[in-house]
Amino acid sequence: MNDRDDELQRISELRPEYLALGLLAQGSSHGYELFRRFQASLDKLWHISESQFYAILKRAEKHGFVTGSAPQKGEGASRRLLSLSPAGEGRFDEWIMEPTASSPRRLHLEFTTRLFFARSLYPDRVRRIVSDQIGSLSVEIERLKAAQWEGIRLDDVEALSAAFRLRQVEAALGWIREEIVPLAGGSSRV
């Protein structure tokens, strides 16, 4: 991970910046139009206000992932045409292919968002994205199982937390295998 990735990671554990990059990967647009496309597609999942969405666009532009044309004469700054920069294209392409961390919340938001964008932008990659996510979760399950605990006690917070985490990751893997794999055109062994 480079410094820019570290900074984006600190900005938000959930990295909503990739929403803007994904929408721009679907085509250049004005900020307001991008927000309307977001509302029509991913708003029920992410719950981001219009002002938060504009802040995301501004941050992505600051990092060089988005470029904006000069405002058209007589129109406000919101009428700038925004486009994905080559750096933004590269970063979005990397992001869409990287498995989501095994946090249930991140899986719910980011993995689902990856699938949403992959379906329209990279349909030939959907099965690989799903397969890589299954592999990542399987590795995490094995890591957690390797740290098994003999006779967990109620005062052993670390062991209780790890056991809970193991069950969450197993449930997430089950969700992907039972719900996502059939939709992605794969077998449960993906």
C-alpha atoms as a PDB file:
ATOM      1  CA  MET A   1       0.000   0.000   0.000  1.00  0.00           C
ATOM      2  CA  ASN A   2       1.413   3.415  -0.856  1.00  0.00           C
ATOM      3  CA  ASP A   3       1.039   6.694   1.081  1.00  0.00           C
ATOM      4  CA  ARG A   4      -2.042   7.714  -0.912  1.00  0.00           C
ATOM      5  CA  ASP A   5      -3.727   4.401  -0.121  1.00  0.00           C
ATOM      6  CA  ASP A   6      -2.839   4.800   3.555  1.00  0.00           C
ATOM      7  CA  GLU A   7      -4.362   8.280   3.550  1.00  0.00           C
ATOM      8  CA  LEU A   8      -7.548   7.035   1.873  1.00  0.00           C
ATOM      9  CA  GLN A   9      -7.710   4.197   4.403  1.00  0.00           C
ATOM     10  CA  ARG A  10      -7.508   6.716   7.265  1.00  0.00           C
ATOM     11  CA  ILE A  11     -10.166   8.923   5.671  1.00  0.00           C
ATOM     12  CA  SER A  12     -12.706   6.156   5.994  1.00  0.00           C
ATOM     13  CA  GLU A  13     -12.420   2.527   6.909  1.00  0.00           C
ATOM     14  CA  LEU A  14     -15.216   1.917   4.418  1.00  0.00           C
ATOM     15  CA  ARG A  15     -13.647   3.987   1.635  1.00  0.00           C
ATOM     16  CA  PRO A  16     -16.752   5.518   0.028  1.00  0.00           C
ATOM     17  CA  GLU A  17     -14.428   7.326  -2.397  1.00  0.00           C
ATOM     18  CA  TYR A  18     -14.733   4.265  -4.602  1.00  0.00           C
ATOM     19  CA  LEU A  19     -18.436   4.971  -5.066  1.00  0.00           C
ATOM     20  CA  ALA A  20     -17.511   8.169  -6.887  1.00  0.00           C
ATOM     21  CA  LEU A  21     -14.780   6.437  -8.873  1.00  0.00           C
ATOM     22  CA  GLY A  22     -17.165   3.660  -9.882  1.00  0.00           C
ATOM     23  CA  LEU A  23     -19.867   6.061 -10.978  1.00  0.00           C
ATOM     24  CA  LEU A  24     -17.310   8.005 -13.001  1.00  0.00           C
ATOM     25  CA  ALA A  25     -15.993   4.757 -14.498  1.00  0.00           C
ATOM     26  CA  GLN A  26     -19.504   4.372 -15.888  1.00  0.00           C
ATOM     27  CA  GLY A  27     -19.154   7.775 -17.582  1.00  0.00           C
ATOM     28  CA  SER A  28     -18.156  11.395 -17.011  1.00  0.00           C
ATOM     29  CA  SER A  29     -20.837  13.535 -15.469  1.00  0.00           C
ATOM     30  CA  HIS A  30     -21.635  16.615 -13.395  1.00  0.00           C
ATOM     31  CA  GLY A  31     -21.609  16.244  -9.615  1.00  0.00           C
ATOM     32  CA  TYR A  32     -25.366  16.584  -9.251  1.00  0.00           C
ATOM     33  CA  GLU A  33     -25.994  13.969 -11.940  1.00  0.00           C
ATOM     34  CA  LEU A  34     -23.517  11.624 -10.240  1.00  0.00           C
ATOM     35  CA  PHE A  35     -25.333  12.061  -6.946  1.00  0.00           C
ATOM     36  CA  ARG A  36     -28.670  11.281  -8.628  1.00  0.00           C
ATOM     37  CA  ARG A  37     -27.162   8.114 -10.151  1.00  0.00           C
ATOM     38  CA  PHE A  38     -25.871   7.189  -6.703  1.00  0.00           C
ATOM     39  CA  GLN A  39     -29.341   7.734  -5.214  1.00  0.00           C
ATOM     40  CA  ALA A  40     -30.918   5.541  -7.880  1.00  0.00           C
ATOM     41  CA  SER A  41     -28.493   2.686  -7.332  1.00  0.00           C
ATOM     42  CA  LEU A  42     -26.500   2.502  -4.085  1.00  0.00           C
ATOM     43  CA  ASP A  43     -28.140   5.003  -1.724  1.00  0.00           C
ATOM     44  CA  LYS A  44     -30.119   2.341   0.140  1.00  0.00           C
ATOM     45  CA  LEU A  45     -26.856   0.547   0.889  1.00  0.00           C
ATOM     46  CA  TRP A  46     -24.537   3.463   1.763  1.00  0.00           C
ATOM     47  CA  HIS A  47     -26.812   6.222   3.192  1.00  0.00           C
ATOM     48  CA  ILE A  48     -24.651   9.176   2.117  1.00  0.00           C
ATOM     49  CA  SER A  49     -26.094  12.691   2.073  1.00  0.00           C
ATOM     50  CA  GLU A  50     -25.671  15.022  -0.876  1.00  0.00           C
ATOM     51  CA  SER A  51     -23.143  17.166   1.009  1.00  0.00           C
ATOM     52  CA  GLN A  52     -21.157  14.062   1.995  1.00  0.00           C
ATOM     53  CA  PHE A  53     -21.195  12.902  -1.617  1.00  0.00           C
ATOM     54  CA  TYR A  54     -19.810  16.242  -2.827  1.00  0.00           C
ATOM     55  CA  ALA A  55     -17.102  16.028  -0.149  1.00  0.00           C
ATOM     56  CA  ILE A  56     -16.196  12.560  -1.455  1.00  0.00           C
ATOM     57  CA  LEU A  57     -15.906  13.946  -4.992  1.00  0.00           C
ATOM     58  CA  LYS A  58     -13.773  16.841  -3.769  1.00  0.00           C
ATOM     59  CA  ARG A  59     -11.456  14.484  -1.868  1.00  0.00           C
ATOM     60  CA  ALA A  60     -11.112  12.194  -4.882  1.00  0.00           C
ATOM     61  CA  GLU A  61     -10.250  15.216  -7.025  1.00  0.00           C
ATOM     62  CA  LYS A  62      -7.708  16.409  -4.433  1.00  0.00           C
ATOM     63  CA  HIS A  63      -6.007  13.001  -4.601  1.00  0.00           C
ATOM     64  CA  GLY A  64      -5.838  13.184  -8.399  1.00  0.00           C
ATOM     65  CA  PHE A  65      -8.376  10.430  -9.041  1.00  0.00           C
ATOM     66  CA  VAL A  66     -10.962  12.784 -10.561  1.00  0.00           C
ATOM     67  CA  THR A  67     -10.506  15.687 -12.936  1.00  0.00           C
ATOM     68  CA  GLY A  68     -12.969  18.502 -13.413  1.00  0.00           C
ATOM     69  CA  SER A  69     -13.432  20.849 -16.313  1.00  0.00           C
ATOM     70  CA  ALA A  70     -13.649  24.581 -15.723  1.00  0.00           C
ATOM     71  CA  PRO A  71     -17.207  25.681 -14.935  1.00  0.00           C
ATOM     72  CA  GLN A  72     -19.170  26.656 -17.997  1.00  0.00           C
ATOM     73  CA  LYS A  73     -19.673  30.406 -18.269  1.00  0.00           C
ATOM     74  CA  GLY A  74     -22.714  31.523 -16.338  1.00  0.00           C
ATOM     75  CA  GLU A  75     -23.039  28.281 -14.433  1.00  0.00           C
ATOM     76  CA  GLY A  76     -22.021  27.373 -10.883  1.00  0.00           C
ATOM     77  CA  ALA A  77     -19.094  25.190  -9.896  1.00  0.00           C
ATOM     78  CA  SER A  78     -21.441  22.210  -9.601  1.00  0.00           C
ATOM     79  CA  ARG A  79     -21.776  22.263 -13.388  1.00  0.00           C
ATOM     80  CA  ARG A  80     -18.182  21.199 -13.907  1.00  0.00           C
ATOM     81  CA  LEU A  81     -17.887  18.021 -15.931  1.00  0.00           C
ATOM     82  CA  LEU A  82     -16.100  15.438 -13.783  1.00  0.00           C
ATOM     83  CA  SER A  83     -14.116  12.566 -15.242  1.00  0.00           C
ATOM     84  CA  LEU A  84     -12.067   9.704 -13.902  1.00  0.00           C
ATOM     85  CA  SER A  85      -8.358  10.481 -14.275  1.00  0.00           C
ATOM     86  CA  PRO A  86      -5.891   7.794 -15.427  1.00  0.00           C
ATOM     87  CA  ALA A  87      -4.777   7.500 -11.777  1.00  0.00           C
ATOM     88  CA  GLY A  88      -8.415   7.108 -10.754  1.00  0.00           C
ATOM     89  CA  GLU A  89      -8.973   4.447 -13.408  1.00  0.00           C
ATOM     90  CA  GLY A  90      -5.955   2.520 -12.161  1.00  0.00           C
ATOM     91  CA  ARG A  91      -6.925   2.784  -8.515  1.00  0.00           C
ATOM     92  CA  PHE A  92     -10.527   1.801  -9.175  1.00  0.00           C
ATOM     93  CA  ASP A  93      -9.372  -1.170 -11.239  1.00  0.00           C
ATOM     94  CA  GLU A  94      -7.123  -2.293  -8.352  1.00  0.00           C
ATOM     95  CA  TRP A  95      -9.878  -1.777  -5.779  1.00  0.00           C
ATOM     96  CA  ILE A  96     -12.529  -3.698  -7.653  1.00  0.00           C
ATOM     97  CA  MET A  97     -10.250  -6.750  -7.817  1.00  0.00           C
ATOM     98  CA  GLU A  98      -8.993  -6.737  -4.216  1.00  0.00           C
ATOM     99  CA  PRO A  99     -10.936  -8.883  -1.772  1.00  0.00           C
ATOM    100  CA  THR A 100     -12.782  -6.991   0.926  1.00  0.00           C
ATOM    101  CA  ALA A 101     -11.507  -7.274   4.483  1.00  0.00           C
ATOM    102  CA  SER A 102     -13.431  -9.846   6.484  1.00  0.00           C
ATOM    103  CA  SER A 103     -15.353  -7.283   8.526  1.00  0.00           C
ATOM    104  CA  PRO A 104     -19.090  -8.016   8.163  1.00  0.00           C
ATOM    105  CA  ARG A 105     -19.872  -4.324   7.702  1.00  0.00           C
ATOM    106  CA  ARG A 106     -17.216  -3.876   5.022  1.00  0.00           C
ATOM    107  CA  LEU A 107     -18.336  -7.046   3.266  1.00  0.00           C
ATOM    108  CA  HIS A 108     -21.930  -5.830   3.297  1.00  0.00           C
ATOM    109  CA  LEU A 109     -21.021  -2.431   1.855  1.00  0.00           C
ATOM    110  CA  GLU A 110     -17.826  -2.805  -0.174  1.00  0.00           C
ATOM    111  CA  PHE A 111     -18.173  -6.330  -1.522  1.00  0.00           C
ATOM    112  CA  THR A 112     -21.753  -5.664  -2.576  1.00  0.00           C
ATOM    113  CA  THR A 113     -20.604  -2.388  -4.194  1.00  0.00           C
ATOM    114  CA  ARG A 114     -17.779  -4.194  -6.009  1.00  0.00           C
ATOM    115  CA  LEU A 115     -20.274  -6.644  -7.439  1.00  0.00           C
ATOM    116  CA  PHE A 116     -22.607  -3.815  -8.460  1.00  0.00           C
ATOM    117  CA  PHE A 117     -19.886  -2.072 -10.470  1.00  0.00           C
ATOM    118  CA  ALA A 118     -18.307  -5.273 -11.796  1.00  0.00           C
ATOM    119  CA  ARG A 119     -21.638  -6.414 -13.196  1.00  0.00           C
ATOM    120  CA  SER A 120     -21.840  -3.403 -15.491  1.00  0.00           C
ATOM    121  CA  LEU A 121     -18.177  -2.510 -16.038  1.00  0.00           C
ATOM    122  CA  TYR A 122     -16.360  -5.856 -15.918  1.00  0.00           C
ATOM    123  CA  PRO A 123     -18.889  -8.699 -16.259  1.00  0.00           C
ATOM    124  CA  ASP A 124     -16.087 -11.087 -17.199  1.00  0.00           C
ATOM    125  CA  ARG A 125     -14.456 -10.470 -13.786  1.00  0.00           C
ATOM    126  CA  VAL A 126     -17.447 -11.152 -11.522  1.00  0.00           C
ATOM    127  CA  ARG A 127     -16.687 -14.856 -10.971  1.00  0.00           C
ATOM    128  CA  ARG A 128     -13.043 -14.074 -10.178  1.00  0.00           C
ATOM    129  CA  ILE A 129     -14.053 -11.354  -7.700  1.00  0.00           C
ATOM    130  CA  VAL A 130     -16.370 -13.809  -5.953  1.00  0.00           C
ATOM    131  CA  SER A 131     -13.790 -16.599  -6.025  1.00  0.00           C
ATOM    132  CA  ASP A 132     -11.041 -14.342  -4.640  1.00  0.00           C
ATOM    133  CA  GLN A 133     -13.377 -13.180  -1.859  1.00  0.00           C
ATOM    134  CA  ILE A 134     -14.182 -16.771  -0.936  1.00  0.00           C
ATOM    135  CA  GLY A 135     -10.461 -17.539  -0.865  1.00  0.00           C
ATOM    136  CA  SER A 136      -9.724 -14.540   1.339  1.00  0.00           C
ATOM    137  CA  LEU A 137     -12.456 -15.462   3.825  1.00  0.00           C
ATOM    138  CA  SER A 138     -11.365 -19.112   3.851  1.00  0.00           C
ATOM    139  CA  VAL A 139      -7.817 -18.054   4.760  1.00  0.00           C
ATOM    140  CA  GLU A 140      -9.157 -15.864   7.572  1.00  0.00           C
ATOM    141  CA  ILE A 141     -11.270 -18.744   8.902  1.00  0.00           C
ATOM    142  CA  GLU A 142      -8.252 -21.047   8.924  1.00  0.00           C
ATOM    143  CA  ARG A 143      -6.188 -18.388  10.703  1.00  0.00           C
ATOM    144  CA  LEU A 144      -8.850 -17.969  13.365  1.00  0.00           C
ATOM    145  CA  LYS A 145      -9.280 -21.731  13.791  1.00  0.00           C
ATOM    146  CA  ALA A 146      -5.521 -22.185  14.175  1.00  0.00           C
ATOM    147  CA  ALA A 147      -5.695 -19.955  17.236  1.00  0.00           C
ATOM    148  CA  GLN A 148      -8.277 -22.202  18.916  1.00  0.00           C
ATOM    149  CA  TRP A 149      -8.716 -21.809  22.609  1.00  0.00           C
ATOM    150  CA  GLU A 150      -9.057 -24.538  25.180  1.00  0.00           C
ATOM    151  CA  GLY A 151     -12.093 -23.987  27.376  1.00  0.00           C
ATOM    152  CA  ILE A 152     -13.023 -20.359  26.816  1.00  0.00           C
ATOM    153  CA  ARG A 153     -13.847 -18.526  30.037  1.00  0.00           C
ATOM    154  CA  LEU A 154     -16.225 -15.588  30.379  1.00  0.00           C
ATOM    155  CA  ASP A 155     -13.388 -13.387  31.607  1.00  0.00           C
ATOM    156  CA  ASP A 156     -11.215 -14.213  28.559  1.00  0.00           C
ATOM    157  CA  VAL A 157     -12.368 -11.314  26.410  1.00  0.00           C
ATOM    158  CA  GLU A 158      -9.780 -11.936  23.687  1.00  0.00           C
ATOM    159  CA  ALA A 159     -10.844 -15.561  23.197  1.00  0.00           C
ATOM    160  CA  LEU A 160     -14.550 -14.674  23.282  1.00  0.00           C
ATOM    161  CA  SER A 161     -13.975 -11.929  20.733  1.00  0.00           C
ATOM    162  CA  ALA A 162     -11.976 -14.223  18.434  1.00  0.00           C
ATOM    163  CA  ALA A 163     -14.659 -16.936  18.651  1.00  0.00           C
ATOM    164  CA  PHE A 164     -17.307 -14.348  17.765  1.00  0.00           C
ATOM    165  CA  ARG A 165     -15.190 -13.124  14.861  1.00  0.00           C
ATOM    166  CA  LEU A 166     -14.778 -16.685  13.590  1.00  0.00           C
ATOM    167  CA  ARG A 167     -18.561 -17.161  13.558  1.00  0.00           C
ATOM    168  CA  GLN A 168     -19.036 -13.846  11.725  1.00  0.00           C
ATOM    169  CA  VAL A 169     -16.539 -14.760   9.008  1.00  0.00           C
ATOM    170  CA  GLU A 170     -18.068 -18.234   8.635  1.00  0.00           C
ATOM    171  CA  ALA A 171     -21.514 -16.636   8.264  1.00  0.00           C
ATOM    172  CA  ALA A 172     -20.195 -14.203   5.641  1.00  0.00           C
ATOM    173  CA  LEU A 173     -18.651 -17.069   3.693  1.00  0.00           C
ATOM    174  CA  GLY A 174     -21.955 -18.952   3.866  1.00  0.00           C
ATOM    175  CA  TRP A 175     -23.814 -15.877   2.583  1.00  0.00           C
ATOM    176  CA  ILE A 176     -21.475 -15.585  -0.400  1.00  0.00           C
ATOM    177  CA  ARG A 177     -21.680 -19.288  -1.230  1.00  0.00           C
ATOM    178  CA  GLU A 178     -25.457 -19.504  -0.856  1.00  0.00           C
ATOM    179  CA  GLU A 179     -26.596 -16.129  -2.202  1.00  0.00           C
ATOM    180  CA  ILE A 180     -23.872 -14.640  -4.393  1.00  0.00           C
ATOM    181  CA  VAL A 181     -22.302 -17.636  -6.129  1.00  0.00           C
ATOM    182  CA  PRO A 182     -25.570 -18.734  -7.813  1.00  0.00           C
ATOM    183  CA  LEU A 183     -26.136 -15.170  -9.019  1.00  0.00           C
ATOM    184  CA  ALA A 184     -22.567 -14.966 -10.343  1.00  0.00           C
ATOM    185  CA  GLY A 185     -23.069 -18.120 -12.387  1.00  0.00           C
ATOM    186  CA  GLY A 186     -20.714 -20.281 -10.381  1.00  0.00           C
ATOM    187  CA  SER A 187     -20.930 -23.453  -8.383  1.00  0.00           C
ATOM    188  CA  SER A 188     -20.805 -23.540  -4.590  1.00  0.00           C
ATOM    189  CA  ARG A 189     -17.229 -24.758  -4.912  1.00  0.00           C
ATOM    190  CA  VAL A 190     -16.052 -21.446  -6.446  1.00  0.00           C
END
